[in-house]
Amino acid sequence: MSMGVIFITHDMGVVAEIADRVLVMYQGEAVETGSVEQIFHAPQHPYTRALLAAVPQLGAMKGLDYPRRFPLISLEHPAKQESSIEQKTVVDGEPVLRVRNLVTRFPLRSGLLNRVTREVHAVEKVSFDLWPGETLSLVGESGSGKSTTGRALLRLVESQGGPANEIIFNGQRIDTLSPGKLQALRRDIQFIFQDPYASLDPRQTIGDSILEPLRVHGLLPGKEAAARVAWLLERVGLLPEHAWRYPHEFSGGQRQRICIARALALNPKVIIADEAVSALDVSIRGQIINLLLDLQRDFGIAYLFISHDMAVVERISHRVAVMYLGQIVEFTRIRMLNSIGPRRAVFENPQHPYTRKLLAAVPVAEPSRQRPQRVLLSDDLPSNIHLRGEEVAAVSLQCVGPGHYVAQPQSEYAFMRR
């Protein structure tokens, strides 16, 4: 149709695949323009170079066993590039979190009597372990059940797994705790939500938002609390005087730093990060990932990192679990501290068709790379809605390598055909 398109985005991978020309803007001004090949292969402006340096490249971690920081370029010192340090943070011993046969379903009502006749099987018999200082990533497209899994661990949604279901934190079962004991335990497991704009109360100052969990748990009164807030703000790269400001005075990246400071307030052992960087610009995303890695190195925090961005997952993860329709279809079960990293097993040797589709669908920030065929996740998903009382068989996993498990073909077909 000879139609021109102005495509506005911060996703440089998409730009490399569809654009003919590129205009780079910074603080309201056009700082560089040129063909897509010129911008990606010979960037001239410091901001363009910094922007491209912050783009997660799928495959950049090939051959590397441990997570690494993004090698970001500073705009103040364009010639200086941050070092990329290995994150050897996993601690031997018992898992800090153990999950067995997690099941979460949501009722659907219908008919004149408004009875529950069907159920959405959001999570079906999911099991995994999480060690201190480790990052386990749950990946999958929207509707795969990864976010519901994270919420179920804190009982923000209840599990229906019955006696076989177990959520054990430091030897204590979460799924059977009373409300009072559950609140006390939540000091050790904190949540970072996807949207930093909706996560903060616009009527509260930043200091009050960070203080709120301390007040709820009766910790650090008076001057000690104020000093704690100032320390937390400095730890996430903000200033102590920011405590008196309101959320609307901050950018998206700064708000996410504030949400991270609030999650750190209670010295948690585990942080569940639910799409914590997906709403951020690419340059800010790298900074937040580096911050999370620095905090893990300094405090030994274990992350359950929930994301659909495979390039970011490759950078931050020690292990990966791929979810499809509420079940884990490919993952690495054991930690191999002295051999090939378990994350590499999934990224360098993916076995499940769904995992291969996820990896093939990632946009690559390299305009000269031509793919033989664009792989789309456009097939209709089988329905995960079933009659009430209908049980779904768990996929059967088989070992295909050291610690590398994949859904067996026959159970995979039975599961995916519905």
Protein backbone atom coordinates (compact mmCIF):
# COMPACT_ATOMS: atom_id res chain seq x y z
CA MET A 1 0.00 0.00 0.00
CA SER A 2 3.09 2.24 -0.01
CA MET A 3 2.23 3.34 3.53
CA GLY A 4 4.80 5.01 5.77
CA VAL A 5 4.96 4.09 9.46
CA ILE A 6 6.37 6.06 12.39
CA PHE A 7 7.15 3.39 14.99
CA ILE A 8 7.72 4.74 18.51
CA THR A 9 9.42 2.29 20.86
CA HIS A 10 12.28 1.67 23.30
CA ASP A 11 12.70 -1.93 22.11
CA MET A 12 15.87 -1.80 20.02
CA GLY A 13 15.45 -5.43 18.92
CA VAL A 14 12.19 -4.57 17.19
CA VAL A 15 13.78 -1.45 15.69
CA ALA A 16 16.57 -3.54 14.17
CA GLU A 17 14.08 -5.93 12.56
CA ILE A 18 11.51 -3.55 11.06
CA ALA A 19 13.03 -0.06 10.67
CA ASP A 20 14.68 1.51 7.62
CA ARG A 21 15.72 4.73 9.36
CA VAL A 22 16.10 5.58 13.05
CA LEU A 23 15.78 8.83 15.00
CA VAL A 24 17.21 8.75 18.53
CA MET A 25 15.75 11.23 21.04
CA TYR A 26 17.14 12.28 24.42
CA GLN A 27 15.53 14.78 26.80
CA GLY A 28 13.19 16.08 24.12
CA GLU A 29 15.81 16.55 21.42
CA ALA A 30 16.84 14.53 18.37
CA VAL A 31 20.48 13.61 19.05
CA GLU A 32 21.20 11.22 16.17
CA THR A 33 19.55 10.01 12.98
CA GLY A 34 20.55 7.67 10.19
CA SER A 35 19.87 4.36 8.56
CA VAL A 36 19.27 1.39 10.84
CA GLU A 37 22.68 -0.04 9.86
CA GLN A 38 24.46 3.25 10.68
CA ILE A 39 22.77 3.59 14.07
CA PHE A 40 23.44 0.01 15.16
CA HIS A 41 26.90 -0.49 13.67
CA ALA A 42 28.46 2.98 14.03
CA PRO A 43 26.61 5.01 16.71
CA GLN A 44 28.15 8.45 17.23
CA HIS A 45 26.27 10.07 20.10
CA PRO A 46 27.10 8.94 23.68
CA TYR A 47 23.41 8.37 24.43
CA THR A 48 22.98 6.11 21.39
CA ARG A 49 25.99 4.08 22.45
CA ALA A 50 24.69 3.87 26.02
CA LEU A 51 21.26 2.82 24.75
CA LEU A 52 22.67 0.02 22.61
CA ALA A 53 24.96 -1.15 25.43
CA ALA A 54 21.89 -1.57 27.66
CA VAL A 55 20.05 -3.82 25.19
CA PRO A 56 20.01 -7.44 26.46
CA GLN A 57 21.35 -9.65 23.68
CA LEU A 58 20.09 -13.22 23.63
CA GLY A 59 23.16 -15.43 23.36
CA ALA A 60 25.51 -12.91 24.97
CA MET A 61 25.87 -15.27 27.96
CA LYS A 62 26.85 -18.29 25.86
CA GLY A 63 29.56 -20.28 27.60
CA LEU A 64 29.14 -18.36 30.88
CA ASP A 65 27.88 -20.27 33.91
CA TYR A 66 26.84 -17.43 36.22
CA PRO A 67 24.75 -14.24 35.93
CA ARG A 68 26.60 -11.04 35.06
CA ARG A 69 25.86 -7.35 35.36
CA PHE A 70 25.01 -5.36 32.23
CA PRO A 71 28.16 -3.57 30.96
CA LEU A 72 26.49 -0.16 30.90
CA ILE A 73 28.10 3.02 29.53
CA SER A 74 27.88 6.19 31.62
CA LEU A 75 26.70 9.34 29.82
CA GLU A 76 28.92 11.44 32.08
CA HIS A 77 31.96 9.31 31.18
CA PRO A 78 31.26 7.79 27.74
CA ALA A 79 34.69 6.16 27.49
CA LYS A 80 34.18 4.32 30.79
CA GLN A 81 32.21 1.08 30.75
CA GLU A 82 31.01 -0.75 33.86
CA SER A 83 32.64 -4.09 34.50
CA SER A 84 30.64 -7.30 34.05
CA ILE A 85 31.25 -9.40 37.18
CA GLU A 86 30.15 -13.00 37.70
CA GLN A 87 27.51 -13.53 40.39
CA LYS A 88 28.78 -16.59 42.30
CA THR A 89 26.24 -16.06 45.07
CA VAL A 90 24.49 -19.43 45.50
CA VAL A 91 24.96 -20.92 48.98
CA ASP A 92 25.25 -24.68 49.51
CA GLY A 93 22.95 -26.37 51.97
CA GLU A 94 19.20 -26.69 52.26
CA PRO A 95 16.81 -24.74 49.98
CA VAL A 96 15.34 -21.62 51.50
CA LEU A 97 12.07 -22.33 49.68
CA ARG A 98 10.64 -25.70 48.68
CA VAL A 99 7.43 -26.02 46.64
CA ARG A 100 5.67 -29.32 45.95
CA ASN A 101 2.52 -29.96 43.89
CA LEU A 102 1.29 -26.37 43.88
CA VAL A 103 -2.24 -26.15 42.46
CA THR A 104 -4.23 -22.94 41.98
CA ARG A 105 -7.67 -22.81 40.39
CA PHE A 106 -10.28 -20.09 39.98
CA PRO A 107 -14.02 -20.89 39.95
CA LEU A 108 -16.31 -19.89 37.08
CA ARG A 109 -20.02 -19.51 37.82
CA SER A 110 -22.89 -19.94 35.37
CA GLY A 111 -26.59 -20.82 35.15
CA LEU A 112 -29.64 -19.40 36.87
CA LEU A 113 -28.41 -20.49 40.29
CA ASN A 114 -24.94 -18.98 39.71
CA ARG A 115 -23.23 -22.23 40.65
CA VAL A 116 -19.59 -23.07 40.12
CA THR A 117 -19.57 -25.38 37.12
CA ARG A 118 -16.07 -24.89 35.72
CA GLU A 119 -12.63 -23.92 36.94
CA VAL A 120 -9.61 -22.17 35.44
CA HIS A 121 -6.61 -24.41 36.12
CA ALA A 122 -4.07 -21.60 36.47
CA VAL A 123 -1.31 -23.65 38.14
CA GLU A 124 -1.16 -27.45 38.05
CA LYS A 125 1.17 -29.51 40.24
CA VAL A 126 4.19 -27.19 40.08
CA SER A 127 7.27 -28.17 42.12
CA PHE A 128 10.66 -26.48 42.52
CA ASP A 129 13.34 -25.50 45.06
CA LEU A 130 15.06 -22.15 45.61
CA TRP A 131 18.45 -21.85 47.30
CA PRO A 132 19.88 -18.86 49.22
CA GLY A 133 21.60 -16.41 46.89
CA GLU A 134 20.06 -18.00 43.79
CA THR A 135 17.93 -16.54 41.03
CA LEU A 136 15.36 -18.96 39.64
CA SER A 137 13.44 -17.54 36.68
CA LEU A 138 9.90 -18.60 35.79
CA VAL A 139 9.36 -17.85 32.10
CA GLY A 140 6.44 -18.15 29.71
CA GLU A 141 3.98 -16.02 27.80
CA SER A 142 0.92 -14.35 29.33
CA GLY A 143 -1.47 -16.88 30.79
CA SER A 144 1.17 -19.51 31.50
CA GLY A 145 0.61 -19.29 35.27
CA LYS A 146 3.93 -17.82 36.34
CA SER A 147 2.52 -14.75 38.14
CA THR A 148 -0.16 -16.82 39.87
CA THR A 149 2.60 -19.15 41.09
CA GLY A 150 4.43 -16.21 42.67
CA ARG A 151 1.29 -14.93 44.38
CA ALA A 152 0.39 -18.39 45.66
CA LEU A 153 3.73 -18.67 47.48
CA LEU A 154 2.68 -15.77 49.73
CA ARG A 155 -0.93 -17.04 49.83
CA LEU A 156 -2.16 -13.90 48.10
CA VAL A 157 -4.15 -16.55 46.25
CA GLU A 158 -4.84 -19.86 47.97
CA SER A 159 -3.66 -23.22 46.68
CA GLN A 160 -6.08 -26.10 46.18
CA GLY A 161 -3.44 -28.81 46.08
CA GLY A 162 -4.75 -30.69 49.12
CA PRO A 163 -2.46 -32.76 51.39
CA ALA A 164 0.11 -33.23 48.60
CA ASN A 165 0.64 -29.47 48.30
CA GLU A 166 3.55 -28.10 50.33
CA ILE A 167 5.13 -24.63 50.46
CA ILE A 168 8.04 -24.80 52.90
CA PHE A 169 10.15 -21.78 53.86
CA ASN A 170 13.21 -22.50 56.03
CA GLY A 171 11.64 -25.72 57.24
CA GLN A 172 8.25 -24.14 58.06
CA ARG A 173 5.12 -24.87 56.04
CA ILE A 174 3.50 -21.70 54.70
CA ASP A 175 0.36 -23.34 53.33
CA THR A 176 -0.89 -24.36 56.82
CA LEU A 177 0.01 -21.23 58.83
CA SER A 178 -2.58 -19.18 60.70
CA PRO A 179 -3.08 -15.57 59.50
CA GLY A 180 -1.02 -14.17 62.38
CA LYS A 181 1.94 -16.47 61.81
CA LEU A 182 1.68 -15.94 58.06
CA GLN A 183 2.02 -12.17 58.50
CA ALA A 184 5.14 -12.65 60.62
CA LEU A 185 6.65 -14.96 58.00
CA ARG A 186 5.99 -12.46 55.22
CA ARG A 187 8.79 -10.36 56.68
CA ASP A 188 11.17 -12.82 55.03
CA ILE A 189 9.45 -13.03 51.63
CA GLN A 190 8.77 -9.77 49.81
CA PHE A 191 7.22 -8.89 46.45
CA ILE A 192 8.23 -6.45 43.69
CA PHE A 193 5.33 -5.83 41.33
CA GLN A 194 5.41 -5.09 37.63
CA ASP A 195 3.92 -1.58 37.56
CA PRO A 196 5.92 0.93 39.64
CA TYR A 197 3.24 3.56 38.99
CA ALA A 198 0.44 1.53 40.59
CA SER A 199 2.60 0.05 43.38
CA LEU A 200 2.99 3.32 45.29
CA ASP A 201 0.20 5.24 47.03
CA PRO A 202 0.10 8.72 45.43
CA ARG A 203 -1.08 10.22 48.74
CA GLN A 204 1.96 8.98 50.69
CA THR A 205 5.46 10.38 50.64
CA ILE A 206 8.19 8.00 49.55
CA GLY A 207 9.46 7.82 53.11
CA ASP A 208 6.04 6.78 54.41
CA SER A 209 5.73 4.10 51.72
CA ILE A 210 9.08 2.58 52.72
CA LEU A 211 8.22 2.88 56.43
CA GLU A 212 4.86 1.14 56.04
CA PRO A 213 6.14 -2.47 56.29
CA LEU A 214 8.26 -1.50 59.30
CA ARG A 215 5.17 -0.06 61.02
CA VAL A 216 3.03 -3.11 60.15
CA HIS A 217 5.58 -5.41 61.79
CA GLY A 218 6.32 -3.08 64.72
CA LEU A 219 9.98 -2.53 63.91
CA LEU A 220 12.41 0.40 64.28
CA PRO A 221 10.44 3.24 65.91
CA GLY A 222 11.30 6.95 65.65
CA LYS A 223 14.80 8.03 64.66
CA GLU A 224 15.92 4.49 63.88
CA ALA A 225 13.18 4.17 61.26
CA ALA A 226 14.12 7.50 59.65
CA ALA A 227 17.76 6.42 59.50
CA ARG A 228 16.72 3.10 57.97
CA VAL A 229 14.75 4.88 55.22
CA ALA A 230 17.69 7.14 54.43
CA TRP A 231 20.04 4.14 54.22
CA LEU A 232 17.64 2.21 51.97
CA LEU A 233 17.24 5.13 49.59
CA GLU A 234 21.02 5.51 49.30
CA ARG A 235 21.38 1.76 48.80
CA VAL A 236 19.13 1.82 45.72
CA GLY A 237 20.82 4.89 44.24
CA LEU A 238 18.54 7.68 45.49
CA LEU A 239 19.08 10.54 47.95
CA PRO A 240 17.85 10.59 51.58
CA GLU A 241 15.99 13.87 50.98
CA HIS A 242 13.82 12.08 48.40
CA ALA A 243 11.91 10.61 51.36
CA TRP A 244 9.79 13.80 51.54
CA ARG A 245 8.70 13.70 47.91
CA TYR A 246 5.65 12.06 46.34
CA PRO A 247 5.56 9.34 43.65
CA HIS A 248 4.53 11.67 40.83
CA GLU A 249 7.84 13.51 41.20
CA PHE A 250 9.84 10.45 40.07
CA SER A 251 10.45 8.64 36.80
CA GLY A 252 9.46 5.01 36.23
CA GLY A 253 12.97 3.75 36.95
CA GLN A 254 13.19 5.79 40.15
CA ARG A 255 9.81 4.49 41.29
CA GLN A 256 10.95 0.91 40.77
CA ARG A 257 14.05 1.67 42.85
CA ILE A 258 11.69 2.92 45.59
CA CYS A 259 9.67 -0.31 45.36
CA ILE A 260 12.91 -2.28 45.71
CA ALA A 261 13.87 -0.20 48.77
CA ARG A 262 10.48 -0.97 50.32
CA ALA A 263 10.96 -4.68 49.64
CA LEU A 264 14.40 -4.53 51.32
CA ALA A 265 13.10 -2.74 54.42
CA LEU A 266 12.47 -5.97 56.36
CA ASN A 267 15.71 -7.73 55.35
CA PRO A 268 13.95 -10.50 53.38
CA LYS A 269 15.51 -13.84 52.53
CA VAL A 270 13.46 -14.18 49.32
CA ILE A 271 12.16 -11.57 46.88
CA ILE A 272 9.55 -12.46 44.25
CA ALA A 273 10.06 -10.09 41.30
CA ASP A 274 6.99 -10.27 39.08
CA GLU A 275 7.89 -8.70 35.70
CA ALA A 276 9.84 -6.14 37.72
CA VAL A 277 11.62 -4.58 34.71
CA SER A 278 9.23 -5.20 31.81
CA ALA A 279 7.53 -1.79 32.08
CA LEU A 280 10.84 0.14 32.08
CA ASP A 281 12.82 1.72 29.25
CA VAL A 282 15.74 -0.36 28.04
CA SER A 283 18.40 1.94 29.53
CA ILE A 284 16.68 1.92 32.93
CA ARG A 285 16.10 -1.84 32.74
CA GLY A 286 19.83 -2.56 32.72
CA GLN A 287 20.36 -0.32 35.74
CA ILE A 288 17.63 -2.09 37.74
CA ILE A 289 18.98 -5.55 36.82
CA ASN A 290 22.44 -4.46 37.97
CA LEU A 291 20.95 -3.15 41.21
CA LEU A 292 19.18 -6.46 41.87
CA LEU A 293 22.42 -8.37 41.23
CA ASP A 294 24.39 -6.05 43.53
CA LEU A 295 21.84 -6.53 46.33
CA GLN A 296 21.96 -10.30 45.87
CA ARG A 297 25.75 -10.23 46.12
CA ASP A 298 25.72 -8.06 49.26
CA PHE A 299 22.81 -9.64 51.16
CA GLY A 300 22.49 -13.18 49.79
CA ILE A 301 18.88 -12.67 48.68
CA ALA A 302 17.19 -15.42 46.68
CA TYR A 303 15.08 -14.19 43.76
CA LEU A 304 12.12 -15.83 42.08
CA PHE A 305 12.31 -13.80 38.88
CA ILE A 306 9.11 -13.93 36.83
CA SER A 307 9.45 -12.70 33.25
CA HIS A 308 8.69 -13.29 29.59
CA ASP A 309 11.86 -11.49 28.42
CA MET A 310 14.23 -14.34 27.60
CA ALA A 311 17.25 -12.07 27.00
CA VAL A 312 16.93 -10.52 30.48
CA VAL A 313 16.33 -13.95 32.02
CA GLU A 314 19.53 -15.26 30.43
CA ARG A 315 21.48 -12.40 32.00
CA ILE A 316 20.13 -12.61 35.57
CA SER A 317 19.36 -16.31 36.16
CA HIS A 318 21.16 -19.20 37.79
CA ARG A 319 18.36 -21.60 36.79
CA VAL A 320 15.30 -21.41 34.53
CA ALA A 321 11.86 -23.08 34.58
CA VAL A 322 9.64 -22.79 31.50
CA MET A 323 5.88 -22.74 32.18
CA TYR A 324 3.14 -23.60 29.72
CA LEU A 325 -0.56 -23.70 30.63
CA GLY A 326 0.15 -23.81 34.35
CA GLN A 327 2.77 -26.58 34.28
CA ILE A 328 6.56 -26.61 34.10
CA VAL A 329 7.56 -28.25 30.81
CA GLU A 330 11.32 -27.68 30.91
CA PHE A 331 13.63 -26.79 33.77
CA THR A 332 16.89 -27.53 35.55
CA ARG A 333 16.38 -29.34 38.81
CA ILE A 334 19.81 -29.39 40.45
CA ARG A 335 22.52 -26.82 40.96
CA MET A 336 25.79 -27.74 39.30
CA LEU A 337 28.25 -25.37 40.89
CA ASN A 338 31.35 -27.04 39.42
CA SER A 339 30.10 -28.01 35.96
CA ILE A 340 28.12 -26.50 33.07
CA GLY A 341 25.65 -24.00 34.53
CA PRO A 342 22.03 -25.18 34.60
CA ARG A 343 20.81 -21.98 32.90
CA ARG A 344 23.01 -22.80 29.93
CA ALA A 345 21.28 -26.16 29.54
CA VAL A 346 17.99 -24.42 28.69
CA PHE A 347 19.40 -21.57 26.58
CA GLU A 348 22.09 -23.47 24.69
CA ASN A 349 20.29 -26.80 24.35
CA PRO A 350 16.49 -26.19 24.51
CA GLN A 351 14.54 -29.41 24.15
CA HIS A 352 10.86 -28.57 24.49
CA PRO A 353 9.14 -27.13 21.36
CA TYR A 354 7.61 -24.33 23.44
CA THR A 355 11.02 -23.32 24.84
CA ARG A 356 12.45 -23.20 21.32
CA LYS A 357 9.54 -21.03 20.18
CA LEU A 358 10.08 -18.62 23.09
CA LEU A 359 13.75 -18.25 22.21
CA ALA A 360 13.11 -17.91 18.47
CA ALA A 361 10.54 -15.16 19.06
CA VAL A 362 13.02 -12.83 20.81
CA PRO A 363 13.82 -9.75 18.66
CA VAL A 364 17.55 -9.43 17.97
CA ALA A 365 19.19 -5.98 18.00
CA GLU A 366 21.25 -6.73 14.88
CA PRO A 367 19.86 -5.43 11.58
CA SER A 368 22.28 -7.48 9.44
CA ARG A 369 21.08 -10.77 10.94
CA GLN A 370 18.46 -12.26 8.68
CA ARG A 371 16.34 -15.05 10.02
CA PRO A 372 15.15 -17.75 7.65
CA GLN A 373 11.66 -17.57 9.08
CA ARG A 374 10.04 -15.55 11.84
CA VAL A 375 8.68 -17.87 14.52
CA LEU A 376 5.44 -16.58 16.03
CA LEU A 377 3.69 -17.73 19.17
CA SER A 378 0.38 -17.35 17.35
CA ASP A 379 -1.07 -20.84 17.68
CA ASP A 380 -4.30 -21.04 19.61
CA LEU A 381 -3.56 -22.13 23.16
CA PRO A 382 -5.46 -25.16 24.44
CA SER A 383 -8.06 -24.22 27.00
CA ASN A 384 -7.15 -24.48 30.67
CA ILE A 385 -10.83 -24.28 31.69
CA HIS A 386 -12.26 -27.59 32.87
CA LEU A 387 -15.41 -28.92 34.46
CA ARG A 388 -15.46 -28.71 38.23
CA GLY A 389 -13.89 -31.82 39.71
CA GLU A 390 -12.03 -32.74 36.53
CA GLU A 391 -8.41 -33.53 37.30
CA VAL A 392 -5.54 -32.83 34.92
CA ALA A 393 -2.64 -35.25 34.86
CA ALA A 394 0.73 -33.68 35.58
CA VAL A 395 3.20 -33.76 32.71
CA SER A 396 5.80 -36.49 33.04
CA LEU A 397 9.36 -35.17 32.97
CA GLN A 398 12.38 -37.03 31.67
CA CYS A 399 16.07 -36.28 32.16
CA VAL A 400 17.84 -35.26 28.93
CA GLY A 401 21.11 -34.11 30.50
CA PRO A 402 22.74 -33.39 33.87
CA GLY A 403 19.93 -31.77 35.85
CA HIS A 404 18.00 -30.93 32.65
CA TYR A 405 14.38 -32.14 32.59
CA VAL A 406 11.78 -31.87 29.82
CA ALA A 407 8.15 -32.97 29.46
CA GLN A 408 7.95 -36.37 27.78
CA PRO A 409 6.52 -36.36 24.24
CA GLN A 410 3.53 -38.55 25.01
CA SER A 411 2.46 -36.61 28.12
CA GLU A 412 3.24 -33.34 26.36
CA TYR A 413 0.87 -34.24 23.51
CA ALA A 414 -1.87 -35.30 25.89
CA PHE A 415 -1.45 -32.03 27.74
CA MET A 416 -1.27 -29.71 24.72
CA ARG A 417 -4.06 -31.19 22.64
CA ARG A 418 -6.91 -29.93 24.86
